Amino acid sequence: MNMHVKPMSLIVVMTLVGSPALAQQQTPIRASIERAVAAAAAEQAPGAGTASPSGQKGTLFWTGLALGIAGVTTSALGLTALRTDNTSTGNAPAGTYQACVAQRDSNPIYASNQCGVLKGKNLKLLWGGVAISGVGAVLMVSGMNTSAELSPGSIGLFRHWRF
């Protein structure tokens, strides 16, 4: 059993020593990344103090998209999984959910009541998500060469083309 340990140890040592040496080799992907970084640095060198407007616009678009998705997700959670038991849903009177739970817990006949469907919307999550989505939409519109115009009864989105 001791004879198998030495060759295995040698293989492990060679692997650990050889890995860093192999990692230092220039791969085609690493070389192309370095060329792209050098080209981007050379492109920004004349105006090093200024950020490119198109890069900033793209960043605003993607940030807005992420905020929009987060807002929609928050609103959906407020309407589904994270409903509140402080209110009742739909046209039900205010204490319907609490009455259902009290009845279910006190009387064995009603032990199978499904009271979860009576939970109300979590309005804080719902409107918070709507606000976050609105901010995301504004960032997306300002991140493209687009402007929005609000008027009574309509919303106009205008795309600006530059030649």
N, C-alpha and C. Protein backbone atom coordinates (compact mmCIF):
# COMPACT_ATOMS: atom_id res chain seq x y z
N MET A 1 0.82 -1.18 0.00
CA MET A 1 0.00 0.00 0.00
C MET A 1 0.87 1.25 0.00
N ASN A 2 2.01 1.20 0.65
CA ASN A 2 2.92 2.31 0.71
C ASN A 2 3.54 2.61 -0.66
N MET A 3 3.65 1.63 -1.54
CA MET A 3 4.23 1.83 -2.86
C MET A 3 3.34 2.69 -3.75
N HIS A 4 2.02 2.64 -3.55
CA HIS A 4 1.10 3.42 -4.37
C HIS A 4 1.03 4.88 -3.91
N VAL A 5 1.40 5.13 -2.69
CA VAL A 5 1.31 6.48 -2.15
C VAL A 5 2.37 7.37 -2.78
N LYS A 6 3.59 6.89 -2.96
CA LYS A 6 4.66 7.71 -3.52
C LYS A 6 4.36 8.14 -4.96
N PRO A 7 3.94 7.25 -5.88
CA PRO A 7 3.63 7.73 -7.23
C PRO A 7 2.45 8.70 -7.24
N MET A 8 1.43 8.47 -6.40
CA MET A 8 0.30 9.39 -6.34
C MET A 8 0.73 10.75 -5.80
N SER A 9 1.60 10.74 -4.80
CA SER A 9 2.11 11.99 -4.26
C SER A 9 2.91 12.74 -5.32
N LEU A 10 3.70 12.01 -6.09
CA LEU A 10 4.48 12.62 -7.15
C LEU A 10 3.57 13.24 -8.21
N ILE A 11 2.50 12.55 -8.55
CA ILE A 11 1.55 13.07 -9.55
C ILE A 11 0.87 14.34 -9.03
N VAL A 12 0.48 14.34 -7.76
CA VAL A 12 -0.17 15.52 -7.17
C VAL A 12 0.79 16.69 -7.14
N VAL A 13 2.04 16.45 -6.74
CA VAL A 13 3.04 17.53 -6.70
C VAL A 13 3.29 18.08 -8.09
N MET A 14 3.43 17.21 -9.09
CA MET A 14 3.67 17.68 -10.46
C MET A 14 2.48 18.49 -10.99
N THR A 15 1.28 18.08 -10.64
CA THR A 15 0.09 18.82 -11.07
C THR A 15 0.05 20.19 -10.44
N LEU A 16 0.34 20.27 -9.14
CA LEU A 16 0.30 21.56 -8.46
C LEU A 16 1.41 22.48 -8.92
N VAL A 17 2.58 21.94 -9.20
CA VAL A 17 3.70 22.76 -9.67
C VAL A 17 3.51 23.14 -11.13
N GLY A 18 2.97 22.24 -11.92
CA GLY A 18 2.82 22.51 -13.35
C GLY A 18 1.67 23.43 -13.69
N SER A 19 0.64 23.50 -12.86
CA SER A 19 -0.53 24.33 -13.15
C SER A 19 -0.19 25.81 -13.29
N PRO A 20 0.56 26.40 -12.36
CA PRO A 20 0.88 27.82 -12.54
C PRO A 20 1.72 28.09 -13.79
N ALA A 21 2.60 27.17 -14.12
CA ALA A 21 3.42 27.38 -15.32
C ALA A 21 2.56 27.34 -16.57
N LEU A 22 1.60 26.44 -16.62
CA LEU A 22 0.70 26.38 -17.77
C LEU A 22 -0.24 27.57 -17.82
N ALA A 23 -0.60 28.10 -16.67
CA ALA A 23 -1.52 29.23 -16.62
C ALA A 23 -0.87 30.50 -17.17
N GLN A 24 0.45 30.57 -17.19
CA GLN A 24 1.14 31.75 -17.66
C GLN A 24 1.21 31.83 -19.18
N GLN A 25 0.88 30.75 -19.86
CA GLN A 25 0.96 30.77 -21.31
C GLN A 25 -0.13 31.68 -21.86
N GLN A 26 0.21 32.34 -22.96
CA GLN A 26 -0.71 33.27 -23.60
C GLN A 26 -1.71 32.48 -24.46
N THR A 27 -2.96 32.48 -24.08
CA THR A 27 -3.99 31.81 -24.86
C THR A 27 -4.58 32.80 -25.86
N PRO A 28 -5.19 32.33 -26.92
CA PRO A 28 -5.78 33.25 -27.90
C PRO A 28 -6.84 34.17 -27.30
N ILE A 29 -7.63 33.65 -26.37
CA ILE A 29 -8.66 34.49 -25.76
C ILE A 29 -8.01 35.58 -24.91
N ARG A 30 -7.01 35.21 -24.12
CA ARG A 30 -6.32 36.20 -23.29
C ARG A 30 -5.63 37.24 -24.16
N ALA A 31 -5.03 36.82 -25.27
CA ALA A 31 -4.35 37.76 -26.16
C ALA A 31 -5.36 38.73 -26.77
N SER A 32 -6.53 38.24 -27.19
CA SER A 32 -7.51 39.14 -27.80
C SER A 32 -8.09 40.09 -26.76
N ILE A 33 -8.24 39.64 -25.52
CA ILE A 33 -8.71 40.54 -24.46
C ILE A 33 -7.70 41.64 -24.22
N GLU A 34 -6.42 41.28 -24.17
CA GLU A 34 -5.38 42.30 -23.96
C GLU A 34 -5.33 43.28 -25.11
N ARG A 35 -5.52 42.80 -26.37
CA ARG A 35 -5.55 43.72 -27.51
C ARG A 35 -6.74 44.66 -27.42
N ALA A 36 -7.89 44.14 -27.01
CA ALA A 36 -9.09 44.99 -26.89
C ALA A 36 -8.91 46.04 -25.79
N VAL A 37 -8.28 45.65 -24.68
CA VAL A 37 -8.04 46.60 -23.60
C VAL A 37 -7.06 47.68 -24.07
N ALA A 38 -6.02 47.28 -24.79
CA ALA A 38 -5.05 48.26 -25.29
C ALA A 38 -5.71 49.20 -26.29
N ALA A 39 -6.58 48.67 -27.16
CA ALA A 39 -7.26 49.53 -28.13
C ALA A 39 -8.20 50.50 -27.44
N ALA A 40 -8.90 50.04 -26.42
CA ALA A 40 -9.81 50.93 -25.69
C ALA A 40 -9.03 52.01 -24.94
N ALA A 41 -7.88 51.64 -24.38
CA ALA A 41 -7.05 52.62 -23.68
C ALA A 41 -6.50 53.65 -24.66
N ALA A 42 -6.10 53.20 -25.84
CA ALA A 42 -5.58 54.12 -26.85
C ALA A 42 -6.68 55.05 -27.36
N GLU A 43 -7.90 54.55 -27.44
CA GLU A 43 -9.02 55.36 -27.92
C GLU A 43 -9.39 56.43 -26.91
N GLN A 44 -9.26 56.15 -25.63
CA GLN A 44 -9.60 57.11 -24.60
C GLN A 44 -8.43 58.04 -24.26
N ALA A 45 -7.25 57.75 -24.72
CA ALA A 45 -6.07 58.54 -24.36
C ALA A 45 -6.18 60.01 -24.77
N PRO A 46 -6.64 60.39 -25.99
CA PRO A 46 -6.70 61.80 -26.32
C PRO A 46 -7.62 62.59 -25.40
N GLY A 47 -8.75 62.05 -25.02
CA GLY A 47 -9.67 62.75 -24.13
C GLY A 47 -9.78 62.00 -22.82
N ALA A 48 -8.68 61.85 -22.13
CA ALA A 48 -8.66 61.02 -20.92
C ALA A 48 -9.58 61.57 -19.84
N GLY A 49 -9.81 62.87 -19.80
CA GLY A 49 -10.64 63.46 -18.77
C GLY A 49 -12.12 63.34 -19.04
N THR A 50 -12.52 63.00 -20.25
CA THR A 50 -13.93 62.95 -20.58
C THR A 50 -14.37 61.51 -20.79
N ALA A 51 -15.55 61.22 -20.33
CA ALA A 51 -16.13 59.89 -20.56
C ALA A 51 -16.90 59.92 -21.86
N SER A 52 -16.90 58.82 -22.56
CA SER A 52 -17.62 58.79 -23.83
C SER A 52 -19.11 58.81 -23.57
N PRO A 53 -19.86 59.68 -24.27
CA PRO A 53 -21.28 59.78 -24.02
C PRO A 53 -22.02 58.49 -24.37
N SER A 54 -21.56 57.79 -25.41
CA SER A 54 -22.27 56.57 -25.78
C SER A 54 -22.10 55.49 -24.72
N GLY A 55 -20.95 55.42 -24.06
CA GLY A 55 -20.74 54.44 -23.00
C GLY A 55 -21.61 54.74 -21.80
N GLN A 56 -21.74 56.04 -21.48
CA GLN A 56 -22.59 56.44 -20.37
C GLN A 56 -24.05 56.16 -20.70
N LYS A 57 -24.44 56.41 -21.93
CA LYS A 57 -25.82 56.15 -22.35
C LYS A 57 -26.13 54.66 -22.25
N GLY A 58 -25.19 53.81 -22.69
CA GLY A 58 -25.40 52.38 -22.62
C GLY A 58 -25.52 51.89 -21.19
N THR A 59 -24.73 52.49 -20.30
CA THR A 59 -24.78 52.13 -18.89
C THR A 59 -26.14 52.49 -18.31
N LEU A 60 -26.65 53.66 -18.67
CA LEU A 60 -27.97 54.06 -18.19
C LEU A 60 -29.05 53.10 -18.68
N PHE A 61 -28.95 52.66 -19.93
CA PHE A 61 -29.94 51.74 -20.47
C PHE A 61 -29.96 50.44 -19.70
N TRP A 62 -28.78 49.84 -19.49
CA TRP A 62 -28.72 48.55 -18.82
C TRP A 62 -29.09 48.66 -17.35
N THR A 63 -28.72 49.76 -16.71
CA THR A 63 -29.12 49.98 -15.32
C THR A 63 -30.63 50.12 -15.24
N GLY A 64 -31.22 50.86 -16.19
CA GLY A 64 -32.67 51.00 -16.23
C GLY A 64 -33.37 49.69 -16.47
N LEU A 65 -32.81 48.86 -17.34
CA LEU A 65 -33.40 47.55 -17.59
C LEU A 65 -33.38 46.70 -16.32
N ALA A 66 -32.27 46.72 -15.60
CA ALA A 66 -32.18 45.95 -14.36
C ALA A 66 -33.18 46.47 -13.32
N LEU A 67 -33.30 47.80 -13.21
CA LEU A 67 -34.27 48.36 -12.27
C LEU A 67 -35.70 48.02 -12.68
N GLY A 68 -35.98 48.05 -13.97
CA GLY A 68 -37.32 47.71 -14.44
C GLY A 68 -37.67 46.28 -14.10
N ILE A 69 -36.75 45.36 -14.32
CA ILE A 69 -36.99 43.95 -14.00
C ILE A 69 -37.18 43.78 -12.49
N ALA A 70 -36.35 44.47 -11.70
CA ALA A 70 -36.48 44.37 -10.24
C ALA A 70 -37.82 44.93 -9.77
N GLY A 71 -38.27 46.02 -10.37
CA GLY A 71 -39.55 46.60 -9.99
C GLY A 71 -40.72 45.71 -10.34
N VAL A 72 -40.70 45.13 -11.53
CA VAL A 72 -41.78 44.22 -11.92
C VAL A 72 -41.80 43.00 -11.01
N THR A 73 -40.63 42.49 -10.68
CA THR A 73 -40.55 41.34 -9.78
C THR A 73 -41.10 41.69 -8.40
N THR A 74 -40.75 42.86 -7.89
CA THR A 74 -41.24 43.30 -6.58
C THR A 74 -42.75 43.42 -6.58
N SER A 75 -43.31 44.02 -7.63
CA SER A 75 -44.76 44.16 -7.73
C SER A 75 -45.44 42.80 -7.81
N ALA A 76 -44.87 41.90 -8.60
CA ALA A 76 -45.47 40.56 -8.73
C ALA A 76 -45.43 39.83 -7.39
N LEU A 77 -44.35 39.97 -6.64
CA LEU A 77 -44.28 39.34 -5.33
C LEU A 77 -45.30 39.93 -4.36
N GLY A 78 -45.53 41.24 -4.46
CA GLY A 78 -46.53 41.88 -3.61
C GLY A 78 -47.94 41.43 -3.93
N LEU A 79 -48.16 40.97 -5.15
CA LEU A 79 -49.49 40.50 -5.55
C LEU A 79 -49.69 39.01 -5.36
N THR A 80 -48.60 38.25 -5.19
CA THR A 80 -48.73 36.79 -5.14
C THR A 80 -48.16 36.22 -3.85
N ALA A 81 -46.90 35.96 -3.80
CA ALA A 81 -46.28 35.20 -2.71
C ALA A 81 -46.20 35.97 -1.40
N LEU A 82 -46.04 37.26 -1.45
CA LEU A 82 -45.85 38.04 -0.22
C LEU A 82 -47.08 38.87 0.13
N ARG A 83 -48.25 38.29 -0.04
CA ARG A 83 -49.48 38.99 0.31
C ARG A 83 -49.54 39.17 1.81
N THR A 84 -50.31 40.14 2.26
CA THR A 84 -50.37 40.47 3.68
C THR A 84 -51.65 39.96 4.31
N ASP A 85 -51.57 39.64 5.58
CA ASP A 85 -52.77 39.17 6.27
C ASP A 85 -53.47 40.30 7.02
N ASN A 86 -53.02 41.52 6.85
CA ASN A 86 -53.65 42.67 7.50
C ASN A 86 -54.91 43.11 6.77
N THR A 87 -55.03 42.78 5.50
CA THR A 87 -56.20 43.18 4.72
C THR A 87 -56.79 41.96 4.04
N SER A 88 -57.95 42.15 3.46
CA SER A 88 -58.60 41.07 2.72
C SER A 88 -58.59 41.42 1.24
N THR A 89 -58.78 40.42 0.41
CA THR A 89 -58.69 40.60 -1.02
C THR A 89 -60.02 41.00 -1.62
N GLY A 90 -59.96 41.63 -2.76
CA GLY A 90 -61.14 41.94 -3.55
C GLY A 90 -62.18 42.76 -2.82
N ASN A 91 -63.45 42.36 -2.97
CA ASN A 91 -64.57 43.08 -2.35
C ASN A 91 -64.93 42.55 -0.97
N ALA A 92 -64.12 41.67 -0.44
CA ALA A 92 -64.41 41.10 0.88
C ALA A 92 -64.27 42.17 1.95
N PRO A 93 -65.09 42.09 2.98
CA PRO A 93 -64.95 43.06 4.08
C PRO A 93 -63.56 42.97 4.72
N ALA A 94 -63.20 44.01 5.45
CA ALA A 94 -61.85 44.16 5.96
C ALA A 94 -61.36 42.99 6.82
N GLY A 95 -62.16 42.40 7.66
CA GLY A 95 -61.70 41.37 8.58
C GLY A 95 -61.96 39.95 8.10
N THR A 96 -62.22 39.74 6.83
CA THR A 96 -62.58 38.42 6.33
C THR A 96 -61.46 37.41 6.52
N TYR A 97 -60.23 37.77 6.22
CA TYR A 97 -59.11 36.84 6.38
C TYR A 97 -58.95 36.45 7.84
N GLN A 98 -58.96 37.43 8.75
CA GLN A 98 -58.78 37.15 10.16
C GLN A 98 -59.94 36.28 10.69
N ALA A 99 -61.16 36.52 10.22
CA ALA A 99 -62.31 35.71 10.65
C ALA A 99 -62.17 34.27 10.16
N CYS A 100 -61.68 34.09 8.95
CA CYS A 100 -61.48 32.75 8.41
C CYS A 100 -60.44 31.99 9.22
N VAL A 101 -59.35 32.64 9.57
CA VAL A 101 -58.30 32.00 10.36
C VAL A 101 -58.82 31.66 11.75
N ALA A 102 -59.57 32.58 12.36
CA ALA A 102 -60.11 32.31 13.70
C ALA A 102 -61.08 31.14 13.67
N GLN A 103 -61.91 31.09 12.64
CA GLN A 103 -62.86 29.99 12.51
C GLN A 103 -62.14 28.66 12.27
N ARG A 104 -61.13 28.67 11.43
CA ARG A 104 -60.36 27.46 11.13
C ARG A 104 -59.66 26.93 12.38
N ASP A 105 -59.12 27.83 13.19
CA ASP A 105 -58.35 27.42 14.36
C ASP A 105 -59.24 27.01 15.54
N SER A 106 -60.48 27.50 15.59
CA SER A 106 -61.33 27.23 16.76
C SER A 106 -62.28 26.06 16.57
N ASN A 107 -62.67 25.75 15.34
CA ASN A 107 -63.68 24.73 15.12
C ASN A 107 -63.12 23.64 14.22
N PRO A 108 -63.11 22.39 14.68
CA PRO A 108 -62.53 21.31 13.87
C PRO A 108 -63.29 21.06 12.56
N ILE A 109 -64.52 21.47 12.48
CA ILE A 109 -65.28 21.29 11.23
C ILE A 109 -64.67 22.14 10.12
N TYR A 110 -64.14 23.30 10.49
CA TYR A 110 -63.58 24.22 9.50
C TYR A 110 -62.05 24.12 9.41
N ALA A 111 -61.48 23.03 9.88
CA ALA A 111 -60.02 22.87 9.90
C ALA A 111 -59.42 22.84 8.50
N SER A 112 -60.22 22.51 7.50
CA SER A 112 -59.68 22.44 6.13
C SER A 112 -59.89 23.74 5.36
N ASN A 113 -60.31 24.81 6.01
CA ASN A 113 -60.48 26.11 5.33
C ASN A 113 -59.17 26.56 4.70
N GLN A 114 -59.25 27.02 3.49
CA GLN A 114 -58.10 27.58 2.78
C GLN A 114 -58.19 29.10 2.87
N CYS A 115 -57.62 29.68 3.89
CA CYS A 115 -57.74 31.12 4.14
C CYS A 115 -56.72 31.94 3.36
N GLY A 116 -55.70 31.31 2.85
CA GLY A 116 -54.65 32.05 2.15
C GLY A 116 -55.14 32.85 0.96
N VAL A 117 -56.19 32.37 0.31
CA VAL A 117 -56.71 33.08 -0.87
C VAL A 117 -57.38 34.39 -0.49
N LEU A 118 -57.68 34.58 0.79
CA LEU A 118 -58.32 35.81 1.25
C LEU A 118 -57.32 36.89 1.65
N LYS A 119 -56.03 36.58 1.63
CA LYS A 119 -55.03 37.59 1.98
C LYS A 119 -55.07 38.71 0.95
N GLY A 120 -54.83 39.93 1.42
CA GLY A 120 -54.85 41.09 0.53
C GLY A 120 -53.51 41.36 -0.09
N LYS A 121 -53.52 42.25 -1.08
CA LYS A 121 -52.29 42.65 -1.76
C LYS A 121 -51.38 43.38 -0.78
N ASN A 122 -50.11 43.20 -0.95
CA ASN A 122 -49.13 43.95 -0.18
C ASN A 122 -48.89 45.25 -0.95
N LEU A 123 -49.63 46.28 -0.59
CA LEU A 123 -49.62 47.52 -1.35
C LEU A 123 -48.27 48.23 -1.31
N LYS A 124 -47.53 48.08 -0.22
CA LYS A 124 -46.20 48.71 -0.16
C LYS A 124 -45.27 48.11 -1.20
N LEU A 125 -45.28 46.78 -1.31
CA LEU A 125 -44.45 46.14 -2.33
C LEU A 125 -44.95 46.46 -3.73
N LEU A 126 -46.27 46.45 -3.91
CA LEU A 126 -46.84 46.71 -5.22
C LEU A 126 -46.45 48.09 -5.73
N TRP A 127 -46.71 49.13 -4.95
CA TRP A 127 -46.42 50.49 -5.42
C TRP A 127 -44.93 50.82 -5.37
N GLY A 128 -44.20 50.19 -4.46
CA GLY A 128 -42.74 50.34 -4.48
C GLY A 128 -42.15 49.77 -5.76
N GLY A 129 -42.65 48.61 -6.18
CA GLY A 129 -42.20 48.00 -7.43
C GLY A 129 -42.57 48.84 -8.64
N VAL A 130 -43.76 49.44 -8.60
CA VAL A 130 -44.18 50.32 -9.70
C VAL A 130 -43.24 51.53 -9.78
N ALA A 131 -42.89 52.10 -8.63
CA ALA A 131 -41.98 53.25 -8.62
C ALA A 131 -40.60 52.87 -9.13
N ILE A 132 -40.10 51.72 -8.71
CA ILE A 132 -38.78 51.27 -9.17
C ILE A 132 -38.81 51.03 -10.67
N SER A 133 -39.89 50.43 -11.17
CA SER A 133 -40.01 50.21 -12.62
C SER A 133 -40.07 51.52 -13.37
N GLY A 134 -40.74 52.52 -12.79
CA GLY A 134 -40.80 53.84 -13.43
C GLY A 134 -39.43 54.48 -13.55
N VAL A 135 -38.64 54.38 -12.49
CA VAL A 135 -37.27 54.91 -12.54
C VAL A 135 -36.46 54.15 -13.59
N GLY A 136 -36.65 52.84 -13.63
CA GLY A 136 -35.95 52.04 -14.64
C GLY A 136 -36.34 52.43 -16.06
N ALA A 137 -37.63 52.71 -16.28
CA ALA A 137 -38.08 53.13 -17.61
C ALA A 137 -37.48 54.47 -17.99
N VAL A 138 -37.40 55.39 -17.04
CA VAL A 138 -36.80 56.70 -17.31
C VAL A 138 -35.32 56.53 -17.67
N LEU A 139 -34.61 55.69 -16.93
CA LEU A 139 -33.20 55.45 -17.23
C LEU A 139 -33.02 54.79 -18.59
N MET A 140 -33.91 53.86 -18.94
CA MET A 140 -33.81 53.21 -20.24
C MET A 140 -34.04 54.20 -21.37
N VAL A 141 -35.03 55.06 -21.21
CA VAL A 141 -35.31 56.05 -22.25
C VAL A 141 -34.16 57.04 -22.37
N SER A 142 -33.61 57.47 -21.24
CA SER A 142 -32.50 58.42 -21.32
C SER A 142 -31.20 57.73 -21.72
N GLY A 143 -31.13 56.42 -21.62
CA GLY A 143 -29.95 55.67 -22.01
C GLY A 143 -29.86 55.43 -23.50
N MET A 144 -30.93 55.64 -24.21
CA MET A 144 -30.93 55.52 -25.67
C MET A 144 -31.04 56.93 -26.23
N ASN A 145 -30.90 57.08 -27.51
CA ASN A 145 -31.11 58.39 -28.12
C ASN A 145 -32.60 58.58 -28.32
N THR A 146 -33.30 58.61 -27.21
CA THR A 146 -34.75 58.68 -27.22
C THR A 146 -35.19 59.72 -26.21
N SER A 147 -36.30 60.36 -26.49
CA SER A 147 -36.88 61.27 -25.52
C SER A 147 -38.36 60.93 -25.38
N ALA A 148 -38.91 61.28 -24.25
CA ALA A 148 -40.32 61.03 -23.99
C ALA A 148 -41.03 62.36 -23.81
N GLU A 149 -42.24 62.43 -24.33
CA GLU A 149 -43.03 63.64 -24.20
C GLU A 149 -44.39 63.24 -23.64
N LEU A 150 -44.73 63.85 -22.51
CA LEU A 150 -46.00 63.57 -21.86
C LEU A 150 -46.97 64.69 -22.16
N SER A 151 -48.16 64.34 -22.57
CA SER A 151 -49.22 65.32 -22.77
C SER A 151 -50.51 64.70 -22.26
N PRO A 152 -51.53 65.51 -22.02
CA PRO A 152 -52.79 64.94 -21.51
C PRO A 152 -53.35 63.90 -22.48
N GLY A 153 -53.45 62.69 -22.01
CA GLY A 153 -54.03 61.62 -22.82
C GLY A 153 -53.06 60.84 -23.68
N SER A 154 -51.78 61.20 -23.70
CA SER A 154 -50.84 60.46 -24.54
C SER A 154 -49.42 60.56 -24.01
N ILE A 155 -48.63 59.59 -24.39
CA ILE A 155 -47.19 59.57 -24.11
C ILE A 155 -46.50 59.34 -25.43
N GLY A 156 -45.56 60.20 -25.78
CA GLY A 156 -44.83 60.05 -27.03
C GLY A 156 -43.38 59.70 -26.78
N LEU A 157 -42.89 58.70 -27.46
CA LEU A 157 -41.47 58.33 -27.41
C LEU A 157 -40.88 58.65 -28.77
N PHE A 158 -39.79 59.41 -28.80
CA PHE A 158 -39.18 59.82 -30.04
C PHE A 158 -37.73 59.36 -30.08
N ARG A 159 -37.38 58.69 -31.16
CA ARG A 159 -36.02 58.19 -31.36
C ARG A 159 -35.27 59.20 -32.20
N HIS A 160 -34.08 59.57 -31.78
CA HIS A 160 -33.26 60.57 -32.49
C HIS A 160 -32.20 59.84 -33.30
N TRP A 161 -32.20 60.06 -34.59
CA TRP A 161 -31.22 59.46 -35.48
C TRP A 161 -30.18 60.51 -35.83
N ARG A 162 -28.93 60.16 -35.74
CA ARG A 162 -27.83 61.08 -36.08
C ARG A 162 -27.12 60.56 -37.30
N PHE A 163 -26.87 61.47 -38.21
CA PHE A 163 -26.17 61.11 -39.46
C PHE A 163 -24.84 61.79 -39.54
